[in-house]
Amino acid sequence: MIELYEQPTRNVSELFGKNEDLNKLYDDDTYTAYTEDLEFMWRWTIYREDKLVQEGCSLTEAASKRAVDHVMAFFNISAKNKQQQVGND
């Protein structure tokens, strides 16, 4: 999973096309998630500090939001556990 954080990425608008086609699903200090309607599915992507870390597709925009929320819950728990391990060392 480390290699996902090291991959270079392009500007989000280059990946998806026009910025007005993007819907922001999540945004905090570290992560930002977007979805785009491709007419036959919704494509969603999650970026960590401008690097693509997760992507997927869903049949509806609501399903995209649920998927992103699920992945973000995992990422946030992983980060919390890592901080606790560092604190215990």
Protein backbone atom coordinates (compact mmCIF):
# COMPACT_ATOMS: atom_id res chain seq x y z
CA MET A 1 0.00 0.00 0.00
CA ILE A 2 2.97 2.31 0.51
CA GLU A 3 3.51 2.45 -3.26
CA LEU A 4 0.07 4.09 -3.67
CA TYR A 5 1.27 7.06 -1.65
CA GLU A 6 4.43 7.36 -3.73
CA GLN A 7 2.81 7.35 -7.17
CA PRO A 8 2.83 10.72 -8.87
CA THR A 9 -0.55 11.97 -9.95
CA ARG A 10 -1.80 14.66 -12.27
CA ASN A 11 -4.15 17.50 -11.57
CA VAL A 12 -7.65 16.19 -10.84
CA SER A 13 -9.11 18.15 -13.75
CA GLU A 14 -6.74 16.33 -16.12
CA LEU A 15 -7.83 12.96 -14.77
CA PHE A 16 -11.55 13.61 -15.04
CA GLY A 17 -11.98 16.28 -17.64
CA LYS A 18 -13.79 19.48 -16.80
CA ASN A 19 -13.86 20.60 -13.18
CA GLU A 20 -17.58 21.39 -13.33
CA ASP A 21 -18.21 17.66 -13.92
CA LEU A 22 -16.75 16.79 -10.51
CA ASN A 23 -18.72 16.51 -7.28
CA LYS A 24 -16.69 16.77 -4.10
CA LEU A 25 -17.69 14.01 -1.69
CA TYR A 26 -15.15 14.51 1.09
CA ASP A 27 -12.59 17.12 2.05
CA ASP A 28 -10.36 17.53 5.10
CA ASP A 29 -6.77 18.56 5.76
CA THR A 30 -5.35 15.33 4.29
CA TYR A 31 -7.92 13.70 2.00
CA THR A 32 -10.18 14.90 -0.79
CA ALA A 33 -12.64 12.71 -2.70
CA TYR A 34 -14.49 13.40 -5.92
CA THR A 35 -17.07 11.64 -8.03
CA GLU A 36 -18.01 12.07 -11.67
CA ASP A 37 -21.07 10.88 -13.58
CA LEU A 38 -19.90 8.90 -16.61
CA GLU A 39 -23.52 8.23 -17.65
CA PHE A 40 -23.20 4.47 -17.18
CA MET A 41 -21.55 4.61 -13.73
CA TRP A 42 -20.17 7.03 -11.17
CA ARG A 43 -16.38 7.06 -10.87
CA TRP A 44 -14.96 8.13 -7.52
CA THR A 45 -11.39 8.89 -6.48
CA ILE A 46 -9.71 9.68 -3.19
CA TYR A 47 -6.55 11.78 -3.00
CA ARG A 48 -4.15 12.07 -0.08
CA GLU A 49 -2.15 15.28 -0.32
CA ASP A 50 -2.77 15.44 -4.11
CA LYS A 51 -1.79 11.81 -4.73
CA LEU A 52 -4.32 9.24 -5.85
CA VAL A 53 -4.72 6.58 -3.14
CA GLN A 54 -8.02 4.88 -4.01
CA GLU A 55 -10.51 4.81 -6.85
CA GLY A 56 -13.62 2.88 -7.70
CA CYS A 57 -16.98 2.99 -9.39
CA SER A 58 -20.59 2.81 -8.27
CA LEU A 59 -23.96 2.66 -9.94
CA THR A 60 -25.33 5.78 -8.24
CA GLU A 61 -23.98 8.96 -6.71
CA ALA A 62 -25.34 7.90 -3.31
CA ALA A 63 -23.48 4.58 -3.61
CA SER A 64 -20.30 6.52 -4.44
CA LYS A 65 -20.72 8.55 -1.25
CA ARG A 66 -21.20 5.37 0.82
CA ALA A 67 -18.12 3.79 -0.77
CA VAL A 68 -15.97 6.85 -0.10
CA ASP A 69 -17.26 7.04 3.49
CA HIS A 70 -16.34 3.38 3.99
CA VAL A 71 -12.80 3.83 2.62
CA MET A 72 -12.31 7.02 4.64
CA ALA A 73 -13.37 5.21 7.81
CA PHE A 74 -10.68 2.61 7.11
CA PHE A 75 -8.03 5.24 6.36
CA ASN A 76 -8.91 7.21 9.51
CA ILE A 77 -8.80 4.11 11.73
CA SER A 78 -5.47 3.09 10.18
CA ALA A 79 -4.02 6.55 10.83
CA LYS A 80 -5.30 6.52 14.42
CA ASN A 81 -3.79 3.07 15.05
CA LYS A 82 -0.46 4.20 13.57
CA GLN A 83 -0.41 7.25 15.86
CA GLN A 84 -1.13 5.05 18.89
CA GLN A 85 1.72 2.69 17.94
CA VAL A 86 4.14 5.61 17.64
CA GLY A 87 2.99 6.89 21.03
CA ASN A 88 3.56 3.49 22.63
CA ASP A 89 7.13 3.16 21.33
